[in-house]
């Protein structure tokens, strides 16, 4: 399908925006899973009426899904034909050859899909491209499979034991702005178009009172969009001049133009500027609009400075890049284990168990009360136990056991006199923040086979080094009916998948970290080295 799209790239067959591209890939995957795979299974097996009926039922469900989708849109994604349309038509063409459906059906329930199928398959471009592709000796249905394999990491060995999720098709939600990342990724698609963007200013420059240059960033990527406001052409110009500078929030409507300046592909000529939030940093009391005491600026700050202003830290390029990569790694983690047939288990954060026996845990208690300023808080203590005489019944039982030659032990609860009495606490015993979800997830592995937990864990080691964290998120998979080699191989595959995902999906942020003083030079080369070499060392 990528080959087919390359015949004429001006058609934007892969989707004109990142959102559209994601939709295209979802429909490609849907077509392979729900149409092509069943047809291939039917061809590979001996003729069976039961199998044929089952595949027909599955295909009928897929037809209804597509029919419902094209009811309100001309094509699968957007207003133009994409490889999603072409791939699905190719798959349905194969289904028609196998006599699993009729493209000329008069069934009223399939009116929309038959019209859509006829419209796409009759396009001159589609006929010409399909002829060229088939003349190369390849099967028509290999077109969409090629595309999906690229989505799943470029390998035909891609797996998804839980099945492929349905495409995300919003019926109600629609973002009322264009993300800056989408404009910068494909600027040619937006030249001359009027768009709405929103974000926070990295810099604000005034030129002679008639021009205002805003460097706007919405967090979708590390690069900002230069927006030009003119006194004579921009509605809201005067209000925009009094924004307070760096950190102010705007919603801008304007026309995307090719930028004449070096270092930037596009700029936005603003026709309407709406100041959403001014910066009140003009005085020490933060009551006057201005940026004199605003703690964040375009320059790179120290980590200590950003920690002191934690509420503004996400606007710093370093923290924003880290959060985008962290999001990508969390998504890659769930996708890897989901596609390998694992179940995600939520293990408790508050627990009365000490999973690893280290004992260095953060305690949870309500004994201190809700008033944190209350002086001389007294905690309940374990008192000296009262001596109780043994009942005659218990004495007879112990005597009988002793006569039988059995060891007689009187079990007593271990309670240290003077220690905190946690029976008066919320849980009736001491509770802590978890150091690991492993103990809990192991019980699920003994019933659900392959499971994993991915959540926050806490350690109370009082060690102030870069190798120790008091709070972090930990991935803990548990696999049943497996040996140590299976465990090792799973770990290597997981780590390499996350590295590959980062290299492909977080290119700009990884490049940022290579240039940052807090990053690492040659970071991407080191990650590629992880991919290219096996973890196991032969001896």
Protein backbone atom coordinates (compact mmCIF):
# COMPACT_ATOMS: atom_id res chain seq x y z
CA UNK A 1 0.00 0.00 0.00
CA UNK A 2 2.92 2.33 0.62
CA UNK A 3 4.01 1.59 -2.95
CA UNK A 4 0.53 2.44 -4.17
CA UNK A 5 0.57 5.72 -2.25
CA UNK A 6 3.92 6.62 -3.82
CA UNK A 7 2.45 6.61 -7.34
CA UNK A 8 1.10 10.08 -6.71
CA UNK A 9 2.09 11.63 -3.33
CA UNK A 10 0.08 14.78 -4.09
CA UNK A 11 -3.09 12.86 -3.30
CA UNK A 12 -2.17 12.71 0.44
CA UNK A 13 -3.10 9.05 0.41
CA UNK A 14 -1.60 8.49 3.84
CA UNK A 15 -3.69 11.29 5.36
CA UNK A 16 -3.16 15.02 5.34
CA UNK A 17 -2.71 15.40 9.11
CA UNK A 18 -1.31 13.28 11.93
CA UNK A 19 -4.84 12.68 13.17
CA UNK A 20 -5.91 11.49 9.72
CA UNK A 21 -2.83 9.27 9.45
CA UNK A 22 -3.71 7.59 12.73
CA UNK A 23 -7.25 7.02 11.45
CA UNK A 24 -5.89 5.56 8.20
CA UNK A 25 -3.64 3.13 10.07
CA UNK A 26 -6.50 2.04 12.30
CA UNK A 27 -8.71 1.24 9.33
CA UNK A 28 -5.87 -0.59 7.59
CA UNK A 29 -5.46 -2.80 10.62
CA UNK A 30 -9.21 -3.31 10.86
CA UNK A 31 -9.38 -4.41 7.22
CA UNK A 32 -6.59 -6.95 7.57
CA UNK A 33 -7.94 -8.44 10.80
CA UNK A 34 -11.62 -8.58 9.93
CA UNK A 35 -11.57 -9.17 6.17
CA UNK A 36 -8.24 -10.36 4.79
CA UNK A 37 -7.25 -12.78 7.55
CA UNK A 38 -10.59 -14.66 7.52
CA UNK A 39 -10.47 -14.93 3.71
CA UNK A 40 -6.88 -16.24 3.86
CA UNK A 41 -7.93 -18.77 6.49
CA UNK A 42 -10.74 -19.93 4.24
CA UNK A 43 -8.38 -20.40 1.30
CA UNK A 44 -5.78 -22.24 3.39
CA UNK A 45 -8.23 -24.74 4.85
CA UNK A 46 -10.26 -27.49 3.27
CA UNK A 47 -13.77 -26.54 2.33
CA UNK A 48 -16.01 -26.58 5.37
CA UNK A 49 -19.53 -25.25 5.47
CA UNK A 50 -19.17 -24.47 9.16
CA UNK A 51 -15.98 -22.45 8.57
CA UNK A 52 -17.48 -20.72 5.54
CA UNK A 53 -20.60 -19.70 7.49
CA UNK A 54 -18.45 -18.42 10.36
CA UNK A 55 -16.33 -16.32 8.01
CA UNK A 56 -19.43 -14.99 6.26
CA UNK A 57 -20.84 -13.92 9.62
CA UNK A 58 -17.59 -12.15 10.53
CA UNK A 59 -17.46 -10.45 7.14
CA UNK A 60 -21.08 -9.39 7.44
CA UNK A 61 -20.29 -7.69 10.76
CA UNK A 62 -17.34 -5.89 9.14
CA UNK A 63 -19.55 -4.75 6.26
CA UNK A 64 -22.08 -3.26 8.67
CA UNK A 65 -19.30 -1.40 10.52
CA UNK A 66 -17.95 0.12 7.31
CA UNK A 67 -21.47 0.83 6.02
CA UNK A 68 -22.29 2.71 9.21
CA UNK A 69 -19.07 4.72 8.98
CA UNK A 70 -19.49 5.86 5.35
CA UNK A 71 -23.10 6.82 6.05
CA UNK A 72 -21.96 10.27 7.19
CA UNK A 73 -18.73 10.65 5.18
CA UNK A 74 -17.69 10.25 1.56
CA UNK A 75 -14.51 8.34 2.36
CA UNK A 76 -13.12 6.42 5.33
CA UNK A 77 -10.92 9.31 6.52
CA UNK A 78 -11.50 12.97 5.71
CA UNK A 79 -12.92 14.32 2.48
CA UNK A 80 -10.41 12.68 0.14
CA UNK A 81 -9.56 9.11 -0.79
CA UNK A 82 -6.74 7.52 1.25
CA UNK A 83 -4.97 4.19 1.33
CA UNK A 84 -7.56 3.14 3.91
CA UNK A 85 -10.25 3.31 1.20
CA UNK A 86 -8.03 1.56 -1.33
CA UNK A 87 -6.96 -1.20 1.06
CA UNK A 88 -10.52 -1.94 2.14
CA UNK A 89 -11.76 -1.95 -1.45
CA UNK A 90 -8.95 -4.36 -2.40
CA UNK A 91 -9.89 -6.62 0.50
CA UNK A 92 -13.59 -6.49 -0.38
CA UNK A 93 -12.70 -7.17 -4.01
CA UNK A 94 -11.04 -10.38 -2.83
CA UNK A 95 -14.12 -11.19 -0.76
CA UNK A 96 -16.29 -10.69 -3.81
CA UNK A 97 -14.06 -13.07 -5.82
CA UNK A 98 -14.57 -15.63 -3.07
CA UNK A 99 -18.33 -15.05 -3.38
CA UNK A 100 -18.55 -13.89 0.23
CA UNK A 101 -20.39 -10.68 -0.66
CA UNK A 102 -21.88 -8.93 -3.67
CA UNK A 103 -20.65 -5.37 -4.44
CA UNK A 104 -23.83 -4.84 -6.50
CA UNK A 105 -26.11 -5.93 -3.69
CA UNK A 106 -29.49 -4.23 -3.48
CA UNK A 107 -29.72 -4.87 0.25
CA UNK A 108 -30.89 -1.59 1.82
CA UNK A 109 -28.74 -2.30 4.88
CA UNK A 110 -25.61 -2.10 2.69
CA UNK A 111 -26.57 0.83 0.48
CA UNK A 112 -23.81 3.12 1.78
CA UNK A 113 -20.97 0.63 1.45
CA UNK A 114 -21.94 -0.39 -2.09
CA UNK A 115 -22.00 3.27 -3.19
CA UNK A 116 -18.66 3.92 -1.49
CA UNK A 117 -17.13 0.76 -3.02
CA UNK A 118 -18.31 1.74 -6.50
CA UNK A 119 -17.06 5.30 -6.07
CA UNK A 120 -13.55 4.31 -4.99
CA UNK A 121 -13.08 1.42 -7.39
CA UNK A 122 -14.13 3.55 -10.37
CA UNK A 123 -11.57 6.31 -9.73
CA UNK A 124 -9.17 6.67 -12.65
CA UNK A 125 -6.27 6.91 -10.24
CA UNK A 126 -7.31 3.71 -8.48
CA UNK A 127 -7.70 1.77 -11.74
CA UNK A 128 -4.35 2.96 -13.07
CA UNK A 129 -2.49 2.37 -9.81
CA UNK A 130 -4.06 -1.05 -9.30
CA UNK A 131 -3.17 -2.08 -12.85
CA UNK A 132 0.44 -0.97 -12.36
CA UNK A 133 0.64 -2.74 -9.04
CA UNK A 134 -0.86 -6.02 -10.28
CA UNK A 135 1.39 -5.97 -13.34
CA UNK A 136 4.33 -6.29 -10.93
CA UNK A 137 3.14 -9.81 -10.14
CA UNK A 138 1.92 -9.15 -6.60
CA UNK A 139 -1.43 -10.15 -5.15
CA UNK A 140 -3.96 -7.40 -4.61
CA UNK A 141 -4.47 -8.26 -0.99
CA UNK A 142 -0.75 -8.02 -0.27
CA UNK A 143 -1.17 -4.28 -0.70
CA UNK A 144 -2.87 -3.60 2.61
CA UNK A 145 -0.86 -6.25 4.45
CA UNK A 146 2.30 -4.35 3.51
CA UNK A 147 0.91 -1.21 5.03
CA UNK A 148 -0.18 -2.83 8.27
CA UNK A 149 3.16 -4.54 8.75
CA UNK A 150 4.78 -1.13 8.61
CA UNK A 151 2.39 0.11 11.29
CA UNK A 152 3.24 -2.82 13.53
CA UNK A 153 6.95 -2.25 13.39
CA UNK A 154 7.85 -3.27 9.83
CA UNK A 155 7.62 -6.99 10.39
CA UNK A 156 5.20 -9.57 9.07
CA UNK A 157 5.63 -11.36 12.40
CA UNK A 158 3.64 -8.71 14.25
CA UNK A 159 1.24 -10.23 16.79
CA UNK A 160 -1.88 -9.20 18.64
CA UNK A 161 -3.22 -12.00 20.82
CA UNK A 162 -6.05 -9.84 22.19
CA UNK A 163 -7.18 -8.93 18.68
CA UNK A 164 -7.07 -5.56 16.98
CA UNK A 165 -9.01 -2.71 18.56
CA UNK A 166 -11.66 -0.89 16.51
CA UNK A 167 -10.61 2.43 14.98
CA UNK A 168 -11.18 5.52 17.09
CA UNK A 169 -13.96 7.41 15.32
CA UNK A 170 -15.25 10.36 17.31
CA UNK A 171 -18.94 11.08 17.04
CA UNK A 172 -18.98 14.06 19.38
CA UNK A 173 -15.52 15.24 20.39
CA UNK A 174 -13.62 17.39 17.96
CA UNK A 175 -10.67 19.59 18.85
CA UNK A 176 -11.54 23.22 18.12
CA UNK A 177 -7.98 24.05 17.14
CA UNK A 178 -5.08 22.66 15.14
CA UNK A 179 -2.12 21.37 17.11
CA UNK A 180 1.12 23.15 16.27
CA UNK A 181 2.79 19.78 15.75
CA UNK A 182 0.43 19.01 12.86
CA UNK A 183 1.18 22.33 11.13
CA UNK A 184 4.95 21.94 11.46
CA UNK A 185 4.88 18.30 10.38
CA UNK A 186 3.20 19.02 7.04
CA UNK A 187 3.34 22.80 6.47
CA UNK A 188 2.54 22.58 2.75
CA UNK A 189 -0.92 21.24 3.58
CA UNK A 190 -1.77 24.43 5.48
CA UNK A 191 -0.30 27.17 3.28
CA UNK A 192 -2.97 29.79 2.62
CA UNK A 193 -5.47 28.18 4.98
CA UNK A 194 -7.08 29.83 7.99
CA UNK A 195 -6.46 27.90 11.20
CA UNK A 196 -7.00 28.29 14.93
CA UNK A 197 -4.13 27.62 17.33
CA UNK A 198 -3.82 28.06 21.08
CA UNK A 199 -0.96 27.86 23.54
CA UNK A 200 1.49 29.73 25.72
CA UNK A 201 4.07 32.24 24.57
CA UNK A 202 7.76 31.41 24.78
CA UNK A 203 8.70 34.96 23.73
CA UNK A 204 6.85 38.18 22.95
CA UNK A 205 8.56 40.85 20.83
CA UNK A 206 7.19 44.29 20.01
CA UNK A 207 8.33 46.17 16.93
CA UNK A 208 7.59 49.87 16.87
CA UNK A 209 4.16 49.53 18.40
CA UNK A 210 2.71 48.30 15.10
CA UNK A 211 3.95 44.70 15.07
CA UNK A 212 3.86 41.97 17.67
CA UNK A 213 5.75 38.68 17.30
CA UNK A 214 4.48 35.81 19.45
CA UNK A 215 6.37 32.52 19.68
CA UNK A 216 3.55 30.15 20.59
CA UNK A 217 3.87 26.60 21.94
CA UNK A 218 1.02 24.25 22.86
CA UNK A 219 3.09 21.34 24.20
CA UNK A 220 2.38 19.03 21.26
CA UNK A 221 6.05 19.32 20.24
CA UNK A 222 9.18 21.15 21.31
CA UNK A 223 9.18 23.61 18.41
CA UNK A 224 7.13 26.79 18.61
CA UNK A 225 5.12 28.59 15.93
CA UNK A 226 5.90 32.22 15.14
CA UNK A 227 2.73 34.29 15.01
CA UNK A 228 2.70 37.85 13.62
CA UNK A 229 0.13 40.38 14.81
CA UNK A 230 -0.29 43.70 12.98
CA UNK A 231 -2.01 46.73 14.46
CA UNK A 232 -4.05 47.36 11.32
CA UNK A 233 -5.05 43.76 10.53
CA UNK A 234 -5.26 41.90 13.83
CA UNK A 235 -8.38 42.14 15.93
CA UNK A 236 -7.40 42.23 19.61
CA UNK A 237 -3.96 43.73 18.92
CA UNK A 238 -4.00 46.29 21.76
CA UNK A 239 -5.05 43.74 24.36
CA UNK A 240 -2.36 41.36 23.13
CA UNK A 241 0.34 43.97 23.72
CA UNK A 242 -0.58 43.99 27.41
CA UNK A 243 -0.23 40.24 27.93
CA UNK A 244 2.73 40.42 30.30
CA UNK A 245 5.14 38.66 27.96
CA UNK A 246 6.49 35.12 28.26
CA UNK A 247 3.99 32.68 29.72
CA UNK A 248 0.81 34.42 28.57
CA UNK A 249 -1.90 32.31 26.96
CA UNK A 250 -3.48 33.03 23.57
CA UNK A 251 -6.00 31.69 21.12
CA UNK A 252 -5.09 32.89 17.64
CA UNK A 253 -6.88 32.72 14.31
CA UNK A 254 -4.83 33.41 11.22
CA UNK A 255 -3.50 32.38 7.83
CA UNK A 256 -0.56 30.00 7.53
CA UNK A 257 2.17 31.36 5.25
CA UNK A 258 5.56 30.13 4.15
CA UNK A 259 8.13 31.91 6.28
CA UNK A 260 10.83 34.01 4.60
CA UNK A 261 13.04 33.69 7.68
CA UNK A 262 15.66 30.99 8.09
CA UNK A 263 15.12 28.27 10.64
CA UNK A 264 11.34 28.13 10.35
CA UNK A 265 9.15 26.74 7.59
CA UNK A 266 5.89 28.54 8.42
CA UNK A 267 4.48 31.50 10.25
CA UNK A 268 0.98 32.53 11.19
CA UNK A 269 -0.38 35.89 10.07
CA UNK A 270 -2.89 36.55 12.85
CA UNK A 271 -6.28 38.01 12.01
CA UNK A 272 -7.84 37.56 15.45
CA UNK A 273 -5.97 37.38 18.76
CA UNK A 274 -7.70 36.47 22.00
CA UNK A 275 -5.75 36.84 25.22
CA UNK A 276 -6.81 33.97 27.46
CA UNK A 277 -4.46 34.57 30.38
CA UNK A 278 -2.07 37.41 31.12
CA UNK A 279 1.09 37.07 33.23
CA UNK A 280 0.81 38.80 36.59
CA UNK A 281 4.51 39.11 37.34
CA UNK A 282 4.97 42.86 37.25
CA UNK A 283 5.56 43.16 41.00
CA UNK A 284 6.54 41.03 43.96
CA UNK A 285 2.90 40.55 44.98
CA UNK A 286 1.93 39.28 41.50
CA UNK A 287 -0.90 41.78 41.17
CA UNK A 288 0.37 43.72 38.17
CA UNK A 289 0.55 42.47 34.58
CA UNK A 290 4.18 42.08 33.55
CA UNK A 291 7.07 39.67 33.43
CA UNK A 292 9.58 41.24 35.80
CA UNK A 293 9.35 38.48 38.43
CA UNK A 294 7.95 35.69 36.22
CA UNK A 295 10.27 32.76 37.01
CA UNK A 296 10.34 31.06 33.58
CA UNK A 297 12.01 32.33 30.45
CA UNK A 298 13.05 30.99 27.05
CA UNK A 299 16.56 30.17 28.25
CA UNK A 300 17.37 26.79 29.79
CA UNK A 301 16.96 26.71 33.56
CA UNK A 302 18.67 24.54 36.14
CA UNK A 303 16.84 21.52 37.51
CA UNK A 304 16.82 23.10 40.96
CA UNK A 305 15.16 26.24 39.62
CA UNK A 306 12.45 24.19 37.92
CA UNK A 307 11.80 22.20 41.11
CA UNK A 308 11.30 25.43 43.02
CA UNK A 309 8.59 26.44 40.54
CA UNK A 310 6.99 23.05 40.02
CA UNK A 311 3.66 24.49 38.83
CA UNK A 312 5.42 26.05 35.81
CA UNK A 313 7.96 23.29 35.23
CA UNK A 314 5.92 21.58 32.44
CA UNK A 315 6.38 24.71 30.30
CA UNK A 316 10.14 24.21 30.30
CA UNK A 317 11.41 22.43 27.19
CA UNK A 318 13.29 19.81 29.21
CA UNK A 319 10.33 18.70 31.30
CA UNK A 320 7.91 18.82 28.36
CA UNK A 321 10.18 16.60 26.24
CA UNK A 322 10.55 14.15 29.12
CA UNK A 323 6.77 13.96 29.56
CA UNK A 324 6.18 13.31 25.86
CA UNK A 325 8.73 10.49 25.88
CA UNK A 326 7.33 9.13 29.14
CA UNK A 327 3.85 9.05 27.58
CA UNK A 328 5.22 7.22 24.55
CA UNK A 329 6.98 4.65 26.74
CA UNK A 330 3.84 4.05 28.83
CA UNK A 331 1.80 3.52 25.67
CA UNK A 332 4.48 1.23 24.19
CA UNK A 333 4.52 -0.79 27.42
CA UNK A 334 0.79 -1.40 27.37
CA UNK A 335 0.78 -2.13 23.63
CA UNK A 336 3.63 -4.64 23.92
CA UNK A 337 2.06 -6.65 26.72
CA UNK A 338 -1.47 -6.33 25.32
CA UNK A 339 -0.41 -7.62 21.92
CA UNK A 340 1.43 -10.49 23.61
CA UNK A 341 -1.76 -11.59 25.37
CA UNK A 342 -1.01 -10.25 28.85
CA UNK A 343 -3.62 -8.77 31.18
CA UNK A 344 -2.97 -5.50 32.99
CA UNK A 345 -3.58 -5.91 36.73
CA UNK A 346 -4.07 -2.95 39.05
CA UNK A 347 -2.31 -3.83 42.27
CA UNK A 348 -2.98 -1.87 45.49
CA UNK A 349 -0.86 1.16 46.32
CA UNK A 350 -1.69 0.96 50.03
CA UNK A 351 -0.86 -2.44 51.48
CA UNK A 352 -0.24 -4.18 54.78
CA UNK A 353 2.32 -6.52 53.17
CA UNK A 354 6.04 -5.95 52.79
CA UNK A 355 6.67 -7.55 49.42
CA UNK A 356 10.46 -7.54 49.41
CA UNK A 357 11.04 -7.63 53.14
CA UNK A 358 13.24 -4.54 53.10
CA UNK A 359 11.20 -2.85 55.80
CA UNK A 360 12.07 0.62 54.47
CA UNK A 361 8.55 1.68 53.66
CA UNK A 362 6.48 4.83 53.93
CA UNK A 363 3.83 4.32 56.58
CA UNK A 364 0.18 5.32 56.14
CA UNK A 365 -1.80 6.34 59.22
CA UNK A 366 -4.78 8.39 60.35
CA UNK A 367 -3.66 8.41 63.99
CA UNK A 368 -2.06 11.85 63.61
CA UNK A 369 -5.46 13.42 62.94
CA UNK A 370 -6.63 15.84 60.27
CA UNK A 371 -5.25 18.97 61.97
CA UNK A 372 -1.59 19.08 60.98
CA UNK A 373 -0.92 21.98 63.33
CA UNK A 374 -2.28 20.34 66.46
CA UNK A 375 0.47 20.21 69.10
CA UNK A 376 1.33 17.30 71.43
CA UNK A 377 -0.44 14.58 69.44
CA UNK A 378 -0.54 11.42 71.52
CA UNK A 379 -0.42 8.09 69.73
CA UNK A 380 -2.11 5.02 71.21
CA UNK A 381 0.43 2.63 72.70
CA UNK A 382 0.31 -1.08 73.41
CA UNK A 383 -0.26 -1.56 77.12
CA UNK A 384 0.98 -4.33 79.39
CA UNK A 385 -1.34 -7.30 78.77
CA UNK A 386 -3.53 -8.44 81.58
CA UNK A 387 -2.72 -11.90 82.92
CA UNK A 388 -5.60 -14.23 82.34
CA UNK A 389 -6.01 -17.58 84.03
CA UNK A 390 -6.36 -20.53 81.68
CA UNK A 391 -9.82 -22.03 81.57
CA UNK A 392 -10.37 -25.58 82.81
CA UNK A 393 -11.39 -26.64 79.30
CA UNK A 394 -8.14 -25.35 77.84
CA UNK A 395 -6.12 -26.99 80.66
CA UNK A 396 -7.75 -30.36 79.93
CA UNK A 397 -7.03 -29.99 76.18
CA UNK A 398 -3.37 -29.25 76.78
CA UNK A 399 -3.04 -32.08 79.28
CA UNK A 400 -4.52 -34.50 76.74
CA UNK A 401 -2.06 -33.40 74.08
CA UNK A 402 0.84 -33.77 76.50
CA UNK A 403 -0.27 -37.29 77.41
CA UNK A 404 -0.19 -38.17 73.71
CA UNK A 405 3.45 -37.04 73.55
CA UNK A 406 2.74 -33.99 71.42
CA UNK A 407 4.51 -30.66 71.84
CA UNK A 408 2.34 -28.20 73.65
CA UNK A 409 2.84 -24.59 72.56
CA UNK A 410 0.70 -21.73 73.67
CA UNK A 411 0.59 -19.27 70.78
CA UNK A 412 0.58 -15.67 71.82
CA UNK A 413 0.24 -12.62 69.59
CA UNK A 414 3.49 -10.70 69.28
CA UNK A 415 2.79 -7.30 70.75
CA UNK A 416 5.58 -5.05 71.95
CA UNK A 417 4.61 -3.08 75.01
CA UNK A 418 4.99 0.66 74.36
CA UNK A 419 4.86 0.37 70.55
CA UNK A 420 2.22 2.18 68.51
CA UNK A 421 -1.10 0.35 68.71
CA UNK A 422 -2.22 0.16 65.08
CA UNK A 423 -5.43 -1.66 66.00
CA UNK A 424 -6.77 1.85 66.60
CA UNK A 425 -5.75 2.92 63.06
CA UNK A 426 -7.89 3.03 59.91
CA UNK A 427 -6.98 -0.47 58.71
CA UNK A 428 -6.61 -2.04 62.15
CA UNK A 429 -2.95 -2.74 61.49
CA UNK A 430 0.08 -0.94 60.11
CA UNK A 431 -0.29 0.00 56.43
CA UNK A 432 2.35 1.25 54.01
CA UNK A 433 2.85 2.55 50.49
CA UNK A 434 3.73 -0.44 48.35
CA UNK A 435 7.33 -1.21 47.42
CA UNK A 436 6.21 -3.59 44.67
CA UNK A 437 3.05 -5.00 43.14
CA UNK A 438 4.76 -8.32 42.51
CA UNK A 439 3.28 -10.22 45.45
CA UNK A 440 -0.26 -9.32 44.41
CA UNK A 441 0.21 -9.87 40.68
CA UNK A 442 1.70 -13.34 41.29
CA UNK A 443 -1.63 -14.49 42.66
CA UNK A 444 -3.28 -13.35 39.42
CA UNK A 445 -0.69 -15.20 37.35
CA UNK A 446 -1.82 -18.40 39.05
CA UNK A 447 -5.29 -17.88 37.59
CA UNK A 448 -4.91 -15.67 34.50
CA UNK A 449 -1.56 -17.06 33.26
CA UNK A 450 0.21 -14.02 31.72
CA UNK A 451 -0.20 -10.75 33.62
CA UNK A 452 1.67 -7.58 34.41
CA UNK A 453 1.40 -4.61 36.71
CA UNK A 454 2.54 -1.11 35.86
CA UNK A 455 2.14 1.44 38.59
CA UNK A 456 3.78 3.60 41.25
CA UNK A 457 6.03 2.10 43.91
CA UNK A 458 7.70 3.78 46.87
CA UNK A 459 10.98 3.23 48.71
CA UNK A 460 11.98 4.97 51.92
CA UNK A 461 15.75 4.46 51.66
CA UNK A 462 17.30 7.72 52.80
CA UNK A 463 19.84 7.82 49.98
CA UNK A 464 20.29 11.02 47.97
CA UNK A 465 21.89 9.67 44.81
CA UNK A 466 20.91 9.53 41.15
CA UNK A 467 20.39 5.77 41.53
CA UNK A 468 17.75 6.01 44.23
CA UNK A 469 14.19 7.27 43.91
CA UNK A 470 11.56 7.45 46.61
CA UNK A 471 8.78 7.16 44.00
CA UNK A 472 8.85 5.54 40.57
CA UNK A 473 6.71 3.45 38.24
CA UNK A 474 7.67 -0.18 37.84
CA UNK A 475 6.72 -2.78 35.22
CA UNK A 476 6.43 -6.29 36.68
CA UNK A 477 5.31 -9.08 34.33
CA UNK A 478 4.53 -12.59 35.58
CA UNK A 479 4.25 -15.49 33.13
CA UNK A 480 2.85 -18.90 34.02
CA UNK A 481 4.07 -22.22 32.55
CA UNK A 482 7.41 -20.69 31.55
CA UNK A 483 11.06 -21.00 32.52
CA UNK A 484 13.90 -18.55 33.08
CA UNK A 485 14.78 -18.41 29.38
CA UNK A 486 11.21 -17.35 28.57
CA UNK A 487 11.50 -14.62 31.17
CA UNK A 488 14.83 -13.39 29.77
CA UNK A 489 13.56 -13.38 26.19
CA UNK A 490 10.41 -11.48 27.18
CA UNK A 491 12.49 -8.82 28.93
CA UNK A 492 14.77 -8.34 25.91
CA UNK A 493 11.87 -8.14 23.46
CA UNK A 494 10.06 -5.65 25.68
CA UNK A 495 13.04 -3.34 26.11
CA UNK A 496 13.91 -3.43 22.42
CA UNK A 497 10.33 -2.68 21.44
CA UNK A 498 10.29 0.39 23.71
CA UNK A 499 13.63 1.56 22.30
CA UNK A 500 12.38 1.11 18.74
CA UNK A 501 9.16 2.94 19.60
CA UNK A 502 11.11 5.87 21.06
CA UNK A 503 13.44 6.11 18.05
CA UNK A 504 10.52 6.16 15.63
CA UNK A 505 7.93 8.19 17.55
CA UNK A 506 10.07 10.57 19.65
CA UNK A 507 12.76 11.66 17.17
CA UNK A 508 12.57 15.38 17.89
CA UNK A 509 12.57 14.98 21.67
CA UNK A 510 15.52 12.55 21.57
CA UNK A 511 17.40 15.05 19.42
CA UNK A 512 16.58 17.73 22.01
CA UNK A 513 18.09 15.61 24.78
CA UNK A 514 21.25 15.08 22.73
CA UNK A 515 21.74 18.85 22.59
CA UNK A 516 20.65 19.62 26.16
CA UNK A 517 23.20 20.02 28.94
CA UNK A 518 21.05 17.64 30.98
CA UNK A 519 20.91 15.07 28.20
CA UNK A 520 23.50 12.85 26.59
CA UNK A 521 25.48 13.23 23.38
CA UNK A 522 25.08 10.29 21.04
CA UNK A 523 21.92 9.17 22.81
CA UNK A 524 20.22 7.86 19.67
CA UNK A 525 23.33 5.96 18.59
CA UNK A 526 23.44 4.26 21.98
CA UNK A 527 19.77 3.31 21.65
CA UNK A 528 20.35 1.92 18.16
CA UNK A 529 23.19 -0.15 19.58
CA UNK A 530 20.69 -1.69 22.01
CA UNK A 531 18.50 -2.70 19.06
CA UNK A 532 21.31 -4.07 16.92
CA UNK A 533 22.91 -6.35 19.50
CA UNK A 534 21.58 -9.31 21.50
CA UNK A 535 21.58 -9.02 25.29
CA UNK A 536 22.85 -12.58 25.70
CA UNK A 537 26.64 -12.91 25.65
CA UNK A 538 27.99 -16.18 24.25
CA UNK A 539 30.86 -17.71 26.19
